[in-house]
Amino acid sequence: MNSAMVAVMLGASLFLGGIALAAFLWGLKNGQFDDKEKWLSATKFDNEDDLQSAVKTQEKKEAIKAKKKKQQYKPE
């Protein structure tokens, strides 16, 4: 392999790596990786029963919304 080709490939990889590092640091600075709800949500549902209960509650809420929406629309 030609030494010039190695230099070009090395330069390109360093350039692309620098862009990736700059993008990562920009994301950290702007809070792109902050997930404040993740840990709070993880502790809400400690076991499978709590998770199933939460799913049932959500389904009930959606059913009530659908029922209210259906009652509001009354064609003549």
PDB file of N, CA and C in Angstrom:
ATOM      1  N   MET A   1       0.840  -1.172   0.000  1.00  0.00           N
ATOM      2  CA  MET A   1       0.000   0.000   0.000  1.00  0.00           C
ATOM      3  C   MET A   1       0.887   1.237   0.000  1.00  0.00           C
ATOM      4  N   ASN A   2       0.486   2.219  -0.699  1.00  0.00           N
ATOM      5  CA  ASN A   2       1.238   3.444  -0.832  1.00  0.00           C
ATOM      6  C   ASN A   2       1.164   4.241   0.475  1.00  0.00           C
ATOM      7  N   SER A   3       2.268   4.886   0.853  1.00  0.00           N
ATOM      8  CA  SER A   3       2.279   5.655   2.098  1.00  0.00           C
ATOM      9  C   SER A   3       1.385   6.887   1.994  1.00  0.00           C
ATOM     10  N   ALA A   4       1.218   7.412   0.798  1.00  0.00           N
ATOM     11  CA  ALA A   4       0.315   8.551   0.621  1.00  0.00           C
ATOM     12  C   ALA A   4      -1.131   8.126   0.892  1.00  0.00           C
ATOM     13  N   MET A   5      -1.483   6.915   0.447  1.00  0.00           N
ATOM     14  CA  MET A   5      -2.841   6.403   0.673  1.00  0.00           C
ATOM     15  C   MET A   5      -3.094   6.216   2.167  1.00  0.00           C
ATOM     16  N   VAL A   6      -2.109   5.720   2.890  1.00  0.00           N
ATOM     17  CA  VAL A   6      -2.247   5.542   4.337  1.00  0.00           C
ATOM     18  C   VAL A   6      -2.434   6.899   5.009  1.00  0.00           C
ATOM     19  N   ALA A   7      -1.687   7.897   4.565  1.00  0.00           N
ATOM     20  CA  ALA A   7      -1.792   9.236   5.147  1.00  0.00           C
ATOM     21  C   ALA A   7      -3.187   9.824   4.882  1.00  0.00           C
ATOM     22  N   VAL A   8      -3.716   9.631   3.675  1.00  0.00           N
ATOM     23  CA  VAL A   8      -5.045  10.135   3.351  1.00  0.00           C
ATOM     24  C   VAL A   8      -6.093   9.430   4.200  1.00  0.00           C
ATOM     25  N   MET A   9      -5.996   8.118   4.325  1.00  0.00           N
ATOM     26  CA  MET A   9      -6.976   7.374   5.114  1.00  0.00           C
ATOM     27  C   MET A   9      -6.883   7.750   6.588  1.00  0.00           C
ATOM     28  N   LEU A  10      -5.673   7.926   7.093  1.00  0.00           N
ATOM     29  CA  LEU A  10      -5.492   8.332   8.485  1.00  0.00           C
ATOM     30  C   LEU A  10      -6.064   9.729   8.714  1.00  0.00           C
ATOM     31  N   GLY A  11      -5.794  10.636   7.804  1.00  0.00           N
ATOM     32  CA  GLY A  11      -6.319  11.996   7.925  1.00  0.00           C
ATOM     33  C   GLY A  11      -7.841  12.017   7.879  1.00  0.00           C
ATOM     34  N   ALA A  12      -8.417  11.251   6.962  1.00  0.00           N
ATOM     35  CA  ALA A  12      -9.875  11.194   6.850  1.00  0.00           C
ATOM     36  C   ALA A  12     -10.499  10.614   8.109  1.00  0.00           C
ATOM     37  N   SER A  13      -9.904   9.561   8.649  1.00  0.00           N
ATOM     38  CA  SER A  13     -10.472   8.950   9.852  1.00  0.00           C
ATOM     39  C   SER A  13     -10.358   9.885  11.055  1.00  0.00           C
ATOM     40  N   LEU A  14      -9.241  10.612  11.158  1.00  0.00           N
ATOM     41  CA  LEU A  14      -9.102  11.580  12.251  1.00  0.00           C
ATOM     42  C   LEU A  14     -10.106  12.727  12.097  1.00  0.00           C
ATOM     43  N   PHE A  15     -10.314  13.177  10.868  1.00  0.00           N
ATOM     44  CA  PHE A  15     -11.276  14.242  10.616  1.00  0.00           C
ATOM     45  C   PHE A  15     -12.693  13.804  10.987  1.00  0.00           C
ATOM     46  N   LEU A  16     -13.097  12.622  10.530  1.00  0.00           N
ATOM     47  CA  LEU A  16     -14.432  12.117  10.848  1.00  0.00           C
ATOM     48  C   LEU A  16     -14.591  11.850  12.344  1.00  0.00           C
ATOM     49  N   GLY A  17     -13.543  11.342  12.973  1.00  0.00           N
ATOM     50  CA  GLY A  17     -13.581  11.129  14.418  1.00  0.00           C
ATOM     51  C   GLY A  17     -13.717  12.435  15.177  1.00  0.00           C
ATOM     52  N   GLY A  18     -13.053  13.470  14.690  1.00  0.00           N
ATOM     53  CA  GLY A  18     -13.163  14.793  15.309  1.00  0.00           C
ATOM     54  C   GLY A  18     -14.570  15.350  15.185  1.00  0.00           C
ATOM     55  N   ILE A  19     -15.182  15.148  14.026  1.00  0.00           N
ATOM     56  CA  ILE A  19     -16.565  15.604  13.839  1.00  0.00           C
ATOM     57  C   ILE A  19     -17.493  14.862  14.793  1.00  0.00           C
ATOM     58  N   ALA A  20     -17.300  13.558  14.924  1.00  0.00           N
ATOM     59  CA  ALA A  20     -18.136  12.769  15.830  1.00  0.00           C
ATOM     60  C   ALA A  20     -17.951  13.214  17.278  1.00  0.00           C
ATOM     61  N   LEU A  21     -16.716  13.478  17.667  1.00  0.00           N
ATOM     62  CA  LEU A  21     -16.444  13.937  19.030  1.00  0.00           C
ATOM     63  C   LEU A  21     -17.078  15.300  19.274  1.00  0.00           C
ATOM     64  N   ALA A  22     -16.967  16.202  18.300  1.00  0.00           N
ATOM     65  CA  ALA A  22     -17.570  17.532  18.444  1.00  0.00           C
ATOM     66  C   ALA A  22     -19.090  17.423  18.560  1.00  0.00           C
ATOM     67  N   ALA A  23     -19.702  16.545  17.777  1.00  0.00           N
ATOM     68  CA  ALA A  23     -21.154  16.359  17.848  1.00  0.00           C
ATOM     69  C   ALA A  23     -21.562  15.784  19.200  1.00  0.00           C
ATOM     70  N   PHE A  24     -20.792  14.843  19.705  1.00  0.00           N
ATOM     71  CA  PHE A  24     -21.086  14.251  21.012  1.00  0.00           C
ATOM     72  C   PHE A  24     -20.987  15.294  22.120  1.00  0.00           C
ATOM     73  N   LEU A  25     -19.922  16.091  22.095  1.00  0.00           N
ATOM     74  CA  LEU A  25     -19.745  17.118  23.122  1.00  0.00           C
ATOM     75  C   LEU A  25     -20.838  18.184  23.014  1.00  0.00           C
ATOM     76  N   TRP A  26     -21.248  18.531  21.798  1.00  0.00           N
ATOM     77  CA  TRP A  26     -22.340  19.479  21.610  1.00  0.00           C
ATOM     78  C   TRP A  26     -23.630  18.918  22.221  1.00  0.00           C
ATOM     79  N   GLY A  27     -23.875  17.626  21.989  1.00  0.00           N
ATOM     80  CA  GLY A  27     -25.063  16.988  22.542  1.00  0.00           C
ATOM     81  C   GLY A  27     -25.051  16.984  24.069  1.00  0.00           C
ATOM     82  N   LEU A  28     -23.900  16.732  24.651  1.00  0.00           N
ATOM     83  CA  LEU A  28     -23.796  16.776  26.116  1.00  0.00           C
ATOM     84  C   LEU A  28     -24.065  18.180  26.640  1.00  0.00           C
ATOM     85  N   LYS A  29     -23.494  19.173  25.973  1.00  0.00           N
ATOM     86  CA  LYS A  29     -23.648  20.559  26.416  1.00  0.00           C
ATOM     87  C   LYS A  29     -25.105  21.018  26.337  1.00  0.00           C
ATOM     88  N   ASN A  30     -25.827  20.579  25.317  1.00  0.00           N
ATOM     89  CA  ASN A  30     -27.205  21.010  25.115  1.00  0.00           C
ATOM     90  C   ASN A  30     -28.230  20.107  25.787  1.00  0.00           C
ATOM     91  N   GLY A  31     -27.789  19.097  26.523  1.00  0.00           N
ATOM     92  CA  GLY A  31     -28.713  18.263  27.278  1.00  0.00           C
ATOM     93  C   GLY A  31     -29.443  17.224  26.451  1.00  0.00           C
ATOM     94  N   GLN A  32     -28.883  16.812  25.328  1.00  0.00           N
ATOM     95  CA  GLN A  32     -29.546  15.835  24.475  1.00  0.00           C
ATOM     96  C   GLN A  32     -29.639  14.462  25.131  1.00  0.00           C
ATOM     97  N   PHE A  33     -28.771  14.182  26.085  1.00  0.00           N
ATOM     98  CA  PHE A  33     -28.739  12.860  26.701  1.00  0.00           C
ATOM     99  C   PHE A  33     -29.354  12.851  28.097  1.00  0.00           C
ATOM    100  N   ASP A  34     -29.946  13.967  28.505  1.00  0.00           N
ATOM    101  CA  ASP A  34     -30.594  14.044  29.818  1.00  0.00           C
ATOM    102  C   ASP A  34     -31.983  13.429  29.729  1.00  0.00           C
ATOM    103  N   ASP A  35     -32.224  12.448  30.536  1.00  0.00           N
ATOM    104  CA  ASP A  35     -33.539  11.813  30.585  1.00  0.00           C
ATOM    105  C   ASP A  35     -33.966  11.781  32.042  1.00  0.00           C
ATOM    106  N   LYS A  36     -34.579  12.862  32.454  1.00  0.00           N
ATOM    107  CA  LYS A  36     -34.947  13.002  33.859  1.00  0.00           C
ATOM    108  C   LYS A  36     -36.072  12.073  34.266  1.00  0.00           C
ATOM    109  N   GLU A  37     -36.910  11.677  33.323  1.00  0.00           N
ATOM    110  CA  GLU A  37     -38.050  10.816  33.621  1.00  0.00           C
ATOM    111  C   GLU A  37     -37.681   9.339  33.676  1.00  0.00           C
ATOM    112  N   LYS A  38     -36.553   8.968  33.119  1.00  0.00           N
ATOM    113  CA  LYS A  38     -36.197   7.548  33.018  1.00  0.00           C
ATOM    114  C   LYS A  38     -36.128   6.891  34.400  1.00  0.00           C
ATOM    115  N   TRP A  39     -35.420   7.503  35.302  1.00  0.00           N
ATOM    116  CA  TRP A  39     -35.245   6.880  36.614  1.00  0.00           C
ATOM    117  C   TRP A  39     -36.525   6.959  37.431  1.00  0.00           C
ATOM    118  N   LEU A  40     -37.289   8.023  37.248  1.00  0.00           N
ATOM    119  CA  LEU A  40     -38.559   8.129  37.967  1.00  0.00           C
ATOM    120  C   LEU A  40     -39.552   7.088  37.473  1.00  0.00           C
ATOM    121  N   SER A  41     -39.606   6.889  36.167  1.00  0.00           N
ATOM    122  CA  SER A  41     -40.532   5.911  35.604  1.00  0.00           C
ATOM    123  C   SER A  41     -40.110   4.480  35.963  1.00  0.00           C
ATOM    124  N   ALA A  42     -38.823   4.254  36.054  1.00  0.00           N
ATOM    125  CA  ALA A  42     -38.336   2.912  36.363  1.00  0.00           C
ATOM    126  C   ALA A  42     -38.733   2.493  37.777  1.00  0.00           C
ATOM    127  N   THR A  43     -38.836   3.440  38.693  1.00  0.00           N
ATOM    128  CA  THR A  43     -39.180   3.079  40.068  1.00  0.00           C
ATOM    129  C   THR A  43     -40.682   2.998  40.291  1.00  0.00           C
ATOM    130  N   LYS A  44     -41.472   3.524  39.360  1.00  0.00           N
ATOM    131  CA  LYS A  44     -42.924   3.449  39.520  1.00  0.00           C
ATOM    132  C   LYS A  44     -43.423   2.016  39.450  1.00  0.00           C
ATOM    133  N   PHE A  45     -42.842   1.238  38.578  1.00  0.00           N
ATOM    134  CA  PHE A  45     -43.307  -0.113  38.318  1.00  0.00           C
ATOM    135  C   PHE A  45     -42.206  -1.102  38.706  1.00  0.00           C
ATOM    136  N   ASP A  46     -42.180  -1.459  39.982  1.00  0.00           N
ATOM    137  CA  ASP A  46     -41.117  -2.325  40.473  1.00  0.00           C
ATOM    138  C   ASP A  46     -41.308  -3.779  40.069  1.00  0.00           C
ATOM    139  N   ASN A  47     -42.532  -4.215  39.942  1.00  0.00           N
ATOM    140  CA  ASN A  47     -42.735  -5.619  39.608  1.00  0.00           C
ATOM    141  C   ASN A  47     -43.789  -5.743  38.505  1.00  0.00           C
ATOM    142  N   GLU A  48     -44.045  -6.947  38.091  1.00  0.00           N
ATOM    143  CA  GLU A  48     -44.939  -7.202  36.965  1.00  0.00           C
ATOM    144  C   GLU A  48     -46.390  -6.841  37.294  1.00  0.00           C
ATOM    145  N   ASP A  49     -46.808  -7.068  38.536  1.00  0.00           N
ATOM    146  CA  ASP A  49     -48.187  -6.737  38.925  1.00  0.00           C
ATOM    147  C   ASP A  49     -48.449  -5.236  38.813  1.00  0.00           C
ATOM    148  N   ASP A  50     -47.488  -4.424  39.263  1.00  0.00           N
ATOM    149  CA  ASP A  50     -47.640  -2.977  39.159  1.00  0.00           C
ATOM    150  C   ASP A  50     -47.692  -2.539  37.699  1.00  0.00           C
ATOM    151  N   LEU A  51     -46.897  -3.153  36.866  1.00  0.00           N
ATOM    152  CA  LEU A  51     -46.880  -2.812  35.447  1.00  0.00           C
ATOM    153  C   LEU A  51     -48.210  -3.179  34.790  1.00  0.00           C
ATOM    154  N   GLN A  52     -48.734  -4.354  35.114  1.00  0.00           N
ATOM    155  CA  GLN A  52     -50.025  -4.759  34.553  1.00  0.00           C
ATOM    156  C   GLN A  52     -51.143  -3.840  35.045  1.00  0.00           C
ATOM    157  N   SER A  53     -51.067  -3.437  36.284  1.00  0.00           N
ATOM    158  CA  SER A  53     -52.059  -2.519  36.837  1.00  0.00           C
ATOM    159  C   SER A  53     -52.005  -1.173  36.109  1.00  0.00           C
ATOM    160  N   ALA A  54     -50.810  -0.715  35.818  1.00  0.00           N
ATOM    161  CA  ALA A  54     -50.659   0.549  35.102  1.00  0.00           C
ATOM    162  C   ALA A  54     -51.211   0.445  33.685  1.00  0.00           C
ATOM    163  N   VAL A  55     -50.994  -0.678  33.042  1.00  0.00           N
ATOM    164  CA  VAL A  55     -51.519  -0.878  31.689  1.00  0.00           C
ATOM    165  C   VAL A  55     -53.053  -0.897  31.714  1.00  0.00           C
ATOM    166  N   LYS A  56     -53.624  -1.580  32.682  1.00  0.00           N
ATOM    167  CA  LYS A  56     -55.087  -1.624  32.789  1.00  0.00           C
ATOM    168  C   LYS A  56     -55.662  -0.244  33.056  1.00  0.00           C
ATOM    169  N   THR A  57     -55.006   0.526  33.897  1.00  0.00           N
ATOM    170  CA  THR A  57     -55.459   1.884  34.183  1.00  0.00           C
ATOM    171  C   THR A  57     -55.422   2.739  32.925  1.00  0.00           C
ATOM    172  N   GLN A  58     -54.355   2.613  32.154  1.00  0.00           N
ATOM    173  CA  GLN A  58     -54.237   3.371  30.913  1.00  0.00           C
ATOM    174  C   GLN A  58     -55.320   2.961  29.918  1.00  0.00           C
ATOM    175  N   GLU A  59     -55.587   1.674  29.832  1.00  0.00           N
ATOM    176  CA  GLU A  59     -56.636   1.195  28.926  1.00  0.00           C
ATOM    177  C   GLU A  59     -58.005   1.733  29.348  1.00  0.00           C
ATOM    178  N   LYS A  60     -58.265   1.787  30.657  1.00  0.00           N
ATOM    179  CA  LYS A  60     -59.528   2.334  31.139  1.00  0.00           C
ATOM    180  C   LYS A  60     -59.664   3.807  30.773  1.00  0.00           C
ATOM    181  N   LYS A  61     -58.572   4.560  30.930  1.00  0.00           N
ATOM    182  CA  LYS A  61     -58.605   5.976  30.580  1.00  0.00           C
ATOM    183  C   LYS A  61     -58.899   6.162  29.091  1.00  0.00           C
ATOM    184  N   GLU A  62     -58.274   5.357  28.262  1.00  0.00           N
ATOM    185  CA  GLU A  62     -58.499   5.459  26.815  1.00  0.00           C
ATOM    186  C   GLU A  62     -59.935   5.072  26.457  1.00  0.00           C
ATOM    187  N   ALA A  63     -60.473   4.073  27.136  1.00  0.00           N
ATOM    188  CA  ALA A  63     -61.856   3.664  26.876  1.00  0.00           C
ATOM    189  C   ALA A  63     -62.823   4.769  27.266  1.00  0.00           C
ATOM    190  N   ILE A  64     -62.562   5.431  28.377  1.00  0.00           N
ATOM    191  CA  ILE A  64     -63.429   6.531  28.817  1.00  0.00           C
ATOM    192  C   ILE A  64     -63.353   7.683  27.816  1.00  0.00           C
ATOM    193  N   LYS A  65     -62.155   7.999  27.325  1.00  0.00           N
ATOM    194  CA  LYS A  65     -62.009   9.058  26.326  1.00  0.00           C
ATOM    195  C   LYS A  65     -62.771   8.714  25.059  1.00  0.00           C
ATOM    196  N   ALA A  66     -62.653   7.472  24.624  1.00  0.00           N
ATOM    197  CA  ALA A  66     -63.344   7.049  23.400  1.00  0.00           C
ATOM    198  C   ALA A  66     -64.853   7.114  23.591  1.00  0.00           C
ATOM    199  N   LYS A  67     -65.337   6.726  24.772  1.00  0.00           N
ATOM    200  CA  LYS A  67     -66.771   6.757  25.055  1.00  0.00           C
ATOM    201  C   LYS A  67     -67.285   8.195  25.069  1.00  0.00           C
ATOM    202  N   LYS A  68     -66.526   9.103  25.682  1.00  0.00           N
ATOM    203  CA  LYS A  68     -66.930  10.507  25.724  1.00  0.00           C
ATOM    204  C   LYS A  68     -66.942  11.098  24.319  1.00  0.00           C
ATOM    205  N   LYS A  69     -65.946  10.747  23.539  1.00  0.00           N
ATOM    206  CA  LYS A  69     -65.873  11.260  22.176  1.00  0.00           C
ATOM    207  C   LYS A  69     -67.047  10.746  21.345  1.00  0.00           C
ATOM    208  N   LYS A  70     -67.409   9.501  21.558  1.00  0.00           N
ATOM    209  CA  LYS A  70     -68.532   8.903  20.826  1.00  0.00           C
ATOM    210  C   LYS A  70     -69.842   9.556  21.246  1.00  0.00           C
ATOM    211  N   GLN A  71     -69.992   9.895  22.524  1.00  0.00           N
ATOM    212  CA  GLN A  71     -71.221  10.517  23.020  1.00  0.00           C
ATOM    213  C   GLN A  71     -71.361  11.947  22.518  1.00  0.00           C
ATOM    214  N   GLN A  72     -70.237  12.636  22.312  1.00  0.00           N
ATOM    215  CA  GLN A  72     -70.292  14.026  21.869  1.00  0.00           C
ATOM    216  C   GLN A  72     -70.787  14.124  20.434  1.00  0.00           C
ATOM    217  N   TYR A  73     -70.463  13.195  19.619  1.00  0.00           N
ATOM    218  CA  TYR A  73     -70.849  13.235  18.208  1.00  0.00           C
ATOM    219  C   TYR A  73     -72.185  12.519  18.025  1.00  0.00           C
ATOM    220  N   LYS A  74     -73.213  13.304  17.753  1.00  0.00           N
ATOM    221  CA  LYS A  74     -74.544  12.721  17.537  1.00  0.00           C
ATOM    222  C   LYS A  74     -75.091  13.261  16.218  1.00  0.00           C
ATOM    223  N   PRO A  75     -75.003  12.487  15.167  1.00  0.00           N
ATOM    224  CA  PRO A  75     -75.517  12.975  13.890  1.00  0.00           C
ATOM    225  C   PRO A  75     -77.046  13.060  13.916  1.00  0.00           C
ATOM    226  N   GLU A  76     -77.571  13.991  13.186  1.00  0.00           N
ATOM    227  CA  GLU A  76     -79.034  14.182  13.177  1.00  0.00           C
ATOM    228  C   GLU A  76     -79.679  13.488  12.018  1.00  0.00           C
TER     229      GLU A  76
END
